[in-house]
Amino acid sequence: MGNAILAAGVDVKSADGHAEVAAEMRRALSGLLVAARVDGVVRADLELFDLLALLYGWCTAAKHYGWDSAQRDRALAVSFEGLMPR
């Protein structure tokens, strides 16, 4: 997703437009989350804040520790399993 944002010409380090991009991302994720709840593919109690915190954590850890693709896949698989309905 980061590459797509950069390819669109968004300067993520600039204050100009950053709030607009963040708001659009929250709106898009919120819509996806609502649809996933309705379809029963995620936990009913999963909130947007939870999802954003997880996304931030995954991205930060992957960057900080230099995860390879196997590490990313494993971390996401474990996390996604926890998001499934009970």
PDB file of N, CA and C in Angstrom:
ATOM      1  N   MET A   1       0.823  -1.172   0.000  1.00  0.00           N
ATOM      2  CA  MET A   1       0.000   0.000   0.000  1.00  0.00           C
ATOM      3  C   MET A   1       0.876   1.247   0.000  1.00  0.00           C
ATOM      4  N   GLY A   2       1.987   1.204   0.748  1.00  0.00           N
ATOM      5  CA  GLY A   2       2.880   2.351   0.800  1.00  0.00           C
ATOM      6  C   GLY A   2       3.411   2.727  -0.569  1.00  0.00           C
ATOM      7  N   ASN A   3       3.766   1.723  -1.367  1.00  0.00           N
ATOM      8  CA  ASN A   3       4.263   1.995  -2.717  1.00  0.00           C
ATOM      9  C   ASN A   3       3.190   2.644  -3.578  1.00  0.00           C
ATOM     10  N   ALA A   4       1.956   2.218  -3.412  1.00  0.00           N
ATOM     11  CA  ALA A   4       0.854   2.810  -4.180  1.00  0.00           C
ATOM     12  C   ALA A   4       0.656   4.270  -3.801  1.00  0.00           C
ATOM     13  N   ILE A   5       0.777   4.567  -2.521  1.00  0.00           N
ATOM     14  CA  ILE A   5       0.633   5.958  -2.067  1.00  0.00           C
ATOM     15  C   ILE A   5       1.756   6.815  -2.634  1.00  0.00           C
ATOM     16  N   LEU A   6       2.986   6.294  -2.577  1.00  0.00           N
ATOM     17  CA  LEU A   6       4.122   7.033  -3.132  1.00  0.00           C
ATOM     18  C   LEU A   6       3.987   7.202  -4.642  1.00  0.00           C
ATOM     19  N   ALA A   7       3.530   6.145  -5.333  1.00  0.00           N
ATOM     20  CA  ALA A   7       3.366   6.212  -6.778  1.00  0.00           C
ATOM     21  C   ALA A   7       2.320   7.246  -7.177  1.00  0.00           C
ATOM     22  N   ALA A   8       1.370   7.492  -6.284  1.00  0.00           N
ATOM     23  CA  ALA A   8       0.333   8.495  -6.550  1.00  0.00           C
ATOM     24  C   ALA A   8       0.841   9.909  -6.341  1.00  0.00           C
ATOM     25  N   GLY A   9       2.107  10.025  -5.906  1.00  0.00           N
ATOM     26  CA  GLY A   9       2.699  11.339  -5.735  1.00  0.00           C
ATOM     27  C   GLY A   9       2.480  11.957  -4.375  1.00  0.00           C
ATOM     28  N   VAL A  10       2.060  11.174  -3.392  1.00  0.00           N
ATOM     29  CA  VAL A  10       1.823  11.688  -2.051  1.00  0.00           C
ATOM     30  C   VAL A  10       3.136  11.729  -1.297  1.00  0.00           C
ATOM     31  N   ASP A  11       3.483  12.887  -0.771  1.00  0.00           N
ATOM     32  CA  ASP A  11       4.679  13.033   0.060  1.00  0.00           C
ATOM     33  C   ASP A  11       4.269  12.722   1.492  1.00  0.00           C
ATOM     34  N   VAL A  12       4.549  11.494   1.941  1.00  0.00           N
ATOM     35  CA  VAL A  12       4.071  11.065   3.253  1.00  0.00           C
ATOM     36  C   VAL A  12       4.772  11.775   4.396  1.00  0.00           C
ATOM     37  N   LYS A  13       5.889  12.421   4.139  1.00  0.00           N
ATOM     38  CA  LYS A  13       6.596  13.147   5.192  1.00  0.00           C
ATOM     39  C   LYS A  13       6.127  14.602   5.295  1.00  0.00           C
ATOM     40  N   SER A  14       5.345  15.028   4.343  1.00  0.00           N
ATOM     41  CA  SER A  14       4.834  16.385   4.327  1.00  0.00           C
ATOM     42  C   SER A  14       3.514  16.454   5.084  1.00  0.00           C
ATOM     43  N   ALA A  15       3.296  17.545   5.775  1.00  0.00           N
ATOM     44  CA  ALA A  15       2.027  17.740   6.476  1.00  0.00           C
ATOM     45  C   ALA A  15       0.900  17.995   5.467  1.00  0.00           C
ATOM     46  N   ASP A  16       1.251  18.535   4.292  1.00  0.00           N
ATOM     47  CA  ASP A  16       0.250  18.829   3.267  1.00  0.00           C
ATOM     48  C   ASP A  16      -0.333  17.533   2.720  1.00  0.00           C
ATOM     49  N   GLY A  17      -1.602  17.359   2.882  1.00  0.00           N
ATOM     50  CA  GLY A  17      -2.274  16.195   2.336  1.00  0.00           C
ATOM     51  C   GLY A  17      -2.203  14.951   3.199  1.00  0.00           C
ATOM     52  N   HIS A  18      -1.346  14.950   4.197  1.00  0.00           N
ATOM     53  CA  HIS A  18      -1.189  13.758   5.030  1.00  0.00           C
ATOM     54  C   HIS A  18      -2.480  13.432   5.764  1.00  0.00           C
ATOM     55  N   ALA A  19      -3.099  14.412   6.329  1.00  0.00           N
ATOM     56  CA  ALA A  19      -4.347  14.189   7.063  1.00  0.00           C
ATOM     57  C   ALA A  19      -5.432  13.690   6.120  1.00  0.00           C
ATOM     58  N   GLU A  20      -5.455  14.211   4.909  1.00  0.00           N
ATOM     59  CA  GLU A  20      -6.455  13.786   3.926  1.00  0.00           C
ATOM     60  C   GLU A  20      -6.243  12.315   3.540  1.00  0.00           C
ATOM     61  N   VAL A  21      -4.989  11.926   3.311  1.00  0.00           N
ATOM     62  CA  VAL A  21      -4.681  10.533   2.961  1.00  0.00           C
ATOM     63  C   VAL A  21      -5.027   9.611   4.124  1.00  0.00           C
ATOM     64  N   ALA A  22      -4.680  10.010   5.338  1.00  0.00           N
ATOM     65  CA  ALA A  22      -4.978   9.195   6.517  1.00  0.00           C
ATOM     66  C   ALA A  22      -6.487   9.035   6.691  1.00  0.00           C
ATOM     67  N   ALA A  23      -7.228  10.103   6.477  1.00  0.00           N
ATOM     68  CA  ALA A  23      -8.687  10.040   6.612  1.00  0.00           C
ATOM     69  C   ALA A  23      -9.288   9.130   5.547  1.00  0.00           C
ATOM     70  N   GLU A  24      -8.784   9.206   4.329  1.00  0.00           N
ATOM     71  CA  GLU A  24      -9.285   8.349   3.252  1.00  0.00           C
ATOM     72  C   GLU A  24      -8.972   6.885   3.552  1.00  0.00           C
ATOM     73  N   MET A  25      -7.794   6.629   4.085  1.00  0.00           N
ATOM     74  CA  MET A  25      -7.434   5.255   4.442  1.00  0.00           C
ATOM     75  C   MET A  25      -8.350   4.726   5.548  1.00  0.00           C
ATOM     76  N   ARG A  26      -8.628   5.558   6.553  1.00  0.00           N
ATOM     77  CA  ARG A  26      -9.549   5.145   7.623  1.00  0.00           C
ATOM     78  C   ARG A  26     -10.945   4.866   7.080  1.00  0.00           C
ATOM     79  N   ARG A  27     -11.418   5.715   6.158  1.00  0.00           N
ATOM     80  CA  ARG A  27     -12.747   5.492   5.569  1.00  0.00           C
ATOM     81  C   ARG A  27     -12.777   4.171   4.795  1.00  0.00           C
ATOM     82  N   ALA A  28     -11.741   3.919   4.011  1.00  0.00           N
ATOM     83  CA  ALA A  28     -11.699   2.689   3.214  1.00  0.00           C
ATOM     84  C   ALA A  28     -11.627   1.458   4.117  1.00  0.00           C
ATOM     85  N   LEU A  29     -10.759   1.498   5.116  1.00  0.00           N
ATOM     86  CA  LEU A  29     -10.641   0.360   6.036  1.00  0.00           C
ATOM     87  C   LEU A  29     -11.924   0.158   6.832  1.00  0.00           C
ATOM     88  N   SER A  30     -12.560   1.244   7.207  1.00  0.00           N
ATOM     89  CA  SER A  30     -13.807   1.143   7.955  1.00  0.00           C
ATOM     90  C   SER A  30     -14.872   0.433   7.123  1.00  0.00           C
ATOM     91  N   GLY A  31     -14.980   0.796   5.847  1.00  0.00           N
ATOM     92  CA  GLY A  31     -15.939   0.147   4.965  1.00  0.00           C
ATOM     93  C   GLY A  31     -15.644  -1.332   4.792  1.00  0.00           C
ATOM     94  N   LEU A  32     -14.367  -1.671   4.630  1.00  0.00           N
ATOM     95  CA  LEU A  32     -13.976  -3.079   4.509  1.00  0.00           C
ATOM     96  C   LEU A  32     -14.276  -3.846   5.790  1.00  0.00           C
ATOM     97  N   LEU A  33     -14.026  -3.203   6.920  1.00  0.00           N
ATOM     98  CA  LEU A  33     -14.263  -3.852   8.205  1.00  0.00           C
ATOM     99  C   LEU A  33     -15.759  -4.111   8.421  1.00  0.00           C
ATOM    100  N   VAL A  34     -16.589  -3.148   8.086  1.00  0.00           N
ATOM    101  CA  VAL A  34     -18.039  -3.328   8.217  1.00  0.00           C
ATOM    102  C   VAL A  34     -18.489  -4.490   7.337  1.00  0.00           C
ATOM    103  N   ALA A  35     -18.026  -4.525   6.099  1.00  0.00           N
ATOM    104  CA  ALA A  35     -18.408  -5.610   5.184  1.00  0.00           C
ATOM    105  C   ALA A  35     -17.920  -6.961   5.703  1.00  0.00           C
ATOM    106  N   ALA A  36     -16.719  -6.996   6.255  1.00  0.00           N
ATOM    107  CA  ALA A  36     -16.184  -8.251   6.792  1.00  0.00           C
ATOM    108  C   ALA A  36     -16.995  -8.713   7.996  1.00  0.00           C
ATOM    109  N   ARG A  37     -17.432  -7.769   8.834  1.00  0.00           N
ATOM    110  CA  ARG A  37     -18.283  -8.136   9.976  1.00  0.00           C
ATOM    111  C   ARG A  37     -19.620  -8.692   9.498  1.00  0.00           C
ATOM    112  N   VAL A  38     -20.237  -8.017   8.528  1.00  0.00           N
ATOM    113  CA  VAL A  38     -21.526  -8.453   7.992  1.00  0.00           C
ATOM    114  C   VAL A  38     -21.401  -9.860   7.397  1.00  0.00           C
ATOM    115  N   ASP A  39     -20.304 -10.118   6.707  1.00  0.00           N
ATOM    116  CA  ASP A  39     -20.077 -11.437   6.094  1.00  0.00           C
ATOM    117  C   ASP A  39     -19.642 -12.487   7.108  1.00  0.00           C
ATOM    118  N   GLY A  40     -19.350 -12.053   8.337  1.00  0.00           N
ATOM    119  CA  GLY A  40     -18.958 -12.988   9.382  1.00  0.00           C
ATOM    120  C   GLY A  40     -17.551 -13.538   9.254  1.00  0.00           C
ATOM    121  N   VAL A  41     -16.669 -12.796   8.573  1.00  0.00           N
ATOM    122  CA  VAL A  41     -15.302 -13.302   8.381  1.00  0.00           C
ATOM    123  C   VAL A  41     -14.286 -12.700   9.351  1.00  0.00           C
ATOM    124  N   VAL A  42     -14.730 -11.745  10.164  1.00  0.00           N
ATOM    125  CA  VAL A  42     -13.891 -11.213  11.241  1.00  0.00           C
ATOM    126  C   VAL A  42     -14.712 -11.180  12.519  1.00  0.00           C
ATOM    127  N   ARG A  43     -14.021 -11.073  13.625  1.00  0.00           N
ATOM    128  CA  ARG A  43     -14.695 -10.986  14.919  1.00  0.00           C
ATOM    129  C   ARG A  43     -15.659  -9.809  14.943  1.00  0.00           C
ATOM    130  N   ALA A  44     -16.802 -10.008  15.549  1.00  0.00           N
ATOM    131  CA  ALA A  44     -17.811  -8.953  15.636  1.00  0.00           C
ATOM    132  C   ALA A  44     -17.349  -7.790  16.497  1.00  0.00           C
ATOM    133  N   ASP A  45     -16.416  -8.052  17.427  1.00  0.00           N
ATOM    134  CA  ASP A  45     -15.961  -6.994  18.333  1.00  0.00           C
ATOM    135  C   ASP A  45     -14.717  -6.265  17.830  1.00  0.00           C
ATOM    136  N   LEU A  46     -14.249  -6.592  16.623  1.00  0.00           N
ATOM    137  CA  LEU A  46     -13.068  -5.922  16.057  1.00  0.00           C
ATOM    138  C   LEU A  46     -13.444  -4.502  15.655  1.00  0.00           C
ATOM    139  N   GLU A  47     -12.733  -3.538  16.191  1.00  0.00           N
ATOM    140  CA  GLU A  47     -12.975  -2.127  15.897  1.00  0.00           C
ATOM    141  C   GLU A  47     -11.888  -1.591  14.969  1.00  0.00           C
ATOM    142  N   LEU A  48     -12.172  -0.488  14.308  1.00  0.00           N
ATOM    143  CA  LEU A  48     -11.207   0.127  13.401  1.00  0.00           C
ATOM    144  C   LEU A  48      -9.905   0.450  14.130  1.00  0.00           C
ATOM    145  N   PHE A  49     -10.002   0.983  15.350  1.00  0.00           N
ATOM    146  CA  PHE A  49      -8.794   1.312  16.111  1.00  0.00           C
ATOM    147  C   PHE A  49      -7.917   0.075  16.303  1.00  0.00           C
ATOM    148  N   ASP A  50      -8.546  -1.076  16.591  1.00  0.00           N
ATOM    149  CA  ASP A  50      -7.791  -2.326  16.764  1.00  0.00           C
ATOM    150  C   ASP A  50      -7.037  -2.678  15.492  1.00  0.00           C
ATOM    151  N   LEU A  51      -7.743  -2.589  14.370  1.00  0.00           N
ATOM    152  CA  LEU A  51      -7.142  -2.930  13.089  1.00  0.00           C
ATOM    153  C   LEU A  51      -5.997  -1.989  12.744  1.00  0.00           C
ATOM    154  N   LEU A  52      -6.192  -0.696  12.966  1.00  0.00           N
ATOM    155  CA  LEU A  52      -5.133   0.275  12.694  1.00  0.00           C
ATOM    156  C   LEU A  52      -3.912   0.034  13.581  1.00  0.00           C
ATOM    157  N   ALA A  53      -4.146  -0.290  14.840  1.00  0.00           N
ATOM    158  CA  ALA A  53      -3.025  -0.578  15.751  1.00  0.00           C
ATOM    159  C   ALA A  53      -2.251  -1.804  15.281  1.00  0.00           C
ATOM    160  N   LEU A  54      -2.968  -2.835  14.835  1.00  0.00           N
ATOM    161  CA  LEU A  54      -2.301  -4.034  14.322  1.00  0.00           C
ATOM    162  C   LEU A  54      -1.505  -3.728  13.057  1.00  0.00           C
ATOM    163  N   LEU A  55      -2.099  -2.982  12.140  1.00  0.00           N
ATOM    164  CA  LEU A  55      -1.398  -2.623  10.911  1.00  0.00           C
ATOM    165  C   LEU A  55      -0.119  -1.843  11.210  1.00  0.00           C
ATOM    166  N   TYR A  56      -0.226  -0.888  12.111  1.00  0.00           N
ATOM    167  CA  TYR A  56       0.943  -0.096  12.482  1.00  0.00           C
ATOM    168  C   TYR A  56       2.020  -0.989  13.108  1.00  0.00           C
ATOM    169  N   GLY A  57       1.592  -1.865  13.986  1.00  0.00           N
ATOM    170  CA  GLY A  57       2.543  -2.770  14.630  1.00  0.00           C
ATOM    171  C   GLY A  57       3.237  -3.688  13.644  1.00  0.00           C
ATOM    172  N   TRP A  58       2.453  -4.265  12.708  1.00  0.00           N
ATOM    173  CA  TRP A  58       3.060  -5.147  11.706  1.00  0.00           C
ATOM    174  C   TRP A  58       4.085  -4.392  10.869  1.00  0.00           C
ATOM    175  N   CYS A  59       3.696  -3.227  10.387  1.00  0.00           N
ATOM    176  CA  CYS A  59       4.593  -2.448   9.525  1.00  0.00           C
ATOM    177  C   CYS A  59       5.843  -2.001  10.264  1.00  0.00           C
ATOM    178  N   THR A  60       5.667  -1.535  11.486  1.00  0.00           N
ATOM    179  CA  THR A  60       6.802  -1.072  12.275  1.00  0.00           C
ATOM    180  C   THR A  60       7.772  -2.206  12.570  1.00  0.00           C
ATOM    181  N   ALA A  61       7.246  -3.352  12.984  1.00  0.00           N
ATOM    182  CA  ALA A  61       8.107  -4.497  13.292  1.00  0.00           C
ATOM    183  C   ALA A  61       8.825  -5.000  12.043  1.00  0.00           C
ATOM    184  N   ALA A  62       8.102  -5.101  10.934  1.00  0.00           N
ATOM    185  CA  ALA A  62       8.715  -5.589   9.694  1.00  0.00           C
ATOM    186  C   ALA A  62       9.855  -4.680   9.258  1.00  0.00           C
ATOM    187  N   LYS A  63       9.644  -3.389   9.360  1.00  0.00           N
ATOM    188  CA  LYS A  63      10.694  -2.440   8.973  1.00  0.00           C
ATOM    189  C   LYS A  63      11.859  -2.478   9.956  1.00  0.00           C
ATOM    190  N   HIS A  64      11.560  -2.452  11.242  1.00  0.00           N
ATOM    191  CA  HIS A  64      12.606  -2.398  12.269  1.00  0.00           C
ATOM    192  C   HIS A  64      13.493  -3.640  12.253  1.00  0.00           C
ATOM    193  N   TYR A  65      12.861  -4.810  12.118  1.00  0.00           N
ATOM    194  CA  TYR A  65      13.609  -6.058  12.198  1.00  0.00           C
ATOM    195  C   TYR A  65      13.997  -6.624  10.836  1.00  0.00           C
ATOM    196  N   GLY A  66      13.616  -5.945   9.768  1.00  0.00           N
ATOM    197  CA  GLY A  66      13.985  -6.386   8.432  1.00  0.00           C
ATOM    198  C   GLY A  66      13.428  -7.757   8.079  1.00  0.00           C
ATOM    199  N   TRP A  67      12.146  -7.961   8.390  1.00  0.00           N
ATOM    200  CA  TRP A  67      11.518  -9.255   8.130  1.00  0.00           C
ATOM    201  C   TRP A  67      11.642  -9.638   6.666  1.00  0.00           C
ATOM    202  N   ASP A  68      11.926 -10.921   6.427  1.00  0.00           N
ATOM    203  CA  ASP A  68      11.863 -11.437   5.058  1.00  0.00           C
ATOM    204  C   ASP A  68      10.424 -11.863   4.786  1.00  0.00           C
ATOM    205  N   SER A  69      10.167 -12.330   3.570  1.00  0.00           N
ATOM    206  CA  SER A  69       8.788 -12.649   3.203  1.00  0.00           C
ATOM    207  C   SER A  69       8.214 -13.784   4.047  1.00  0.00           C
ATOM    208  N   ALA A  70       9.024 -14.750   4.434  1.00  0.00           N
ATOM    209  CA  ALA A  70       8.532 -15.861   5.267  1.00  0.00           C
ATOM    210  C   ALA A  70       8.109 -15.354   6.643  1.00  0.00           C
ATOM    211  N   GLN A  71       8.898 -14.450   7.222  1.00  0.00           N
ATOM    212  CA  GLN A  71       8.553 -13.892   8.534  1.00  0.00           C
ATOM    213  C   GLN A  71       7.278 -13.069   8.446  1.00  0.00           C
ATOM    214  N   ARG A  72       7.147 -12.277   7.380  1.00  0.00           N
ATOM    215  CA  ARG A  72       5.925 -11.472   7.201  1.00  0.00           C
ATOM    216  C   ARG A  72       4.709 -12.382   7.057  1.00  0.00           C
ATOM    217  N   ASP A  73       4.843 -13.411   6.221  1.00  0.00           N
ATOM    218  CA  ASP A  73       3.718 -14.328   6.006  1.00  0.00           C
ATOM    219  C   ASP A  73       3.296 -15.015   7.303  1.00  0.00           C
ATOM    220  N   ARG A  74       4.258 -15.452   8.087  1.00  0.00           N
ATOM    221  CA  ARG A  74       3.959 -16.145   9.343  1.00  0.00           C
ATOM    222  C   ARG A  74       3.273 -15.201  10.333  1.00  0.00           C
ATOM    223  N   ALA A  75       3.810 -13.996  10.482  1.00  0.00           N
ATOM    224  CA  ALA A  75       3.220 -13.024  11.417  1.00  0.00           C
ATOM    225  C   ALA A  75       1.800 -12.660  11.001  1.00  0.00           C
ATOM    226  N   LEU A  76       1.581 -12.470   9.718  1.00  0.00           N
ATOM    227  CA  LEU A  76       0.242 -12.130   9.248  1.00  0.00           C
ATOM    228  C   LEU A  76      -0.717 -13.297   9.413  1.00  0.00           C
ATOM    229  N   ALA A  77      -0.252 -14.517   9.144  1.00  0.00           N
ATOM    230  CA  ALA A  77      -1.120 -15.694   9.297  1.00  0.00           C
ATOM    231  C   ALA A  77      -1.578 -15.843  10.742  1.00  0.00           C
ATOM    232  N   VAL A  78      -0.654 -15.687  11.680  1.00  0.00           N
ATOM    233  CA  VAL A  78      -1.008 -15.788  13.102  1.00  0.00           C
ATOM    234  C   VAL A  78      -1.978 -14.677  13.482  1.00  0.00           C
ATOM    235  N   SER A  79      -1.709 -13.481  13.023  1.00  0.00           N
ATOM    236  CA  SER A  79      -2.571 -12.340  13.351  1.00  0.00           C
ATOM    237  C   SER A  79      -3.948 -12.486  12.727  1.00  0.00           C
ATOM    238  N   PHE A  80      -4.011 -12.873  11.462  1.00  0.00           N
ATOM    239  CA  PHE A  80      -5.307 -13.014  10.799  1.00  0.00           C
ATOM    240  C   PHE A  80      -6.143 -14.097  11.454  1.00  0.00           C
ATOM    241  N   GLU A  81      -5.508 -15.155  11.909  1.00  0.00           N
ATOM    242  CA  GLU A  81      -6.260 -16.208  12.606  1.00  0.00           C
ATOM    243  C   GLU A  81      -6.929 -15.649  13.856  1.00  0.00           C
ATOM    244  N   GLY A  82      -6.246 -14.734  14.537  1.00  0.00           N
ATOM    245  CA  GLY A  82      -6.811 -14.116  15.728  1.00  0.00           C
ATOM    246  C   GLY A  82      -7.954 -13.163  15.433  1.00  0.00           C
ATOM    247  N   LEU A  83      -8.054 -12.691  14.182  1.00  0.00           N
ATOM    248  CA  LEU A  83      -9.127 -11.780  13.798  1.00  0.00           C
ATOM    249  C   LEU A  83     -10.404 -12.506  13.402  1.00  0.00           C
ATOM    250  N   MET A  84     -10.293 -13.808  13.187  1.00  0.00           N
ATOM    251  CA  MET A  84     -11.453 -14.601  12.740  1.00  0.00           C
ATOM    252  C   MET A  84     -12.500 -14.693  13.836  1.00  0.00           C
ATOM    253  N   PRO A  85     -13.746 -14.857  13.417  1.00  0.00           N
ATOM    254  CA  PRO A  85     -14.807 -14.980  14.431  1.00  0.00           C
ATOM    255  C   PRO A  85     -14.625 -16.244  15.258  1.00  0.00           C
ATOM    256  N   ARG A  86     -15.127 -16.182  16.472  1.00  0.00           N
ATOM    257  CA  ARG A  86     -15.023 -17.327  17.389  1.00  0.00           C
ATOM    258  C   ARG A  86     -16.303 -18.118  17.384  1.00  0.00           C
TER     259      ARG A  86
END
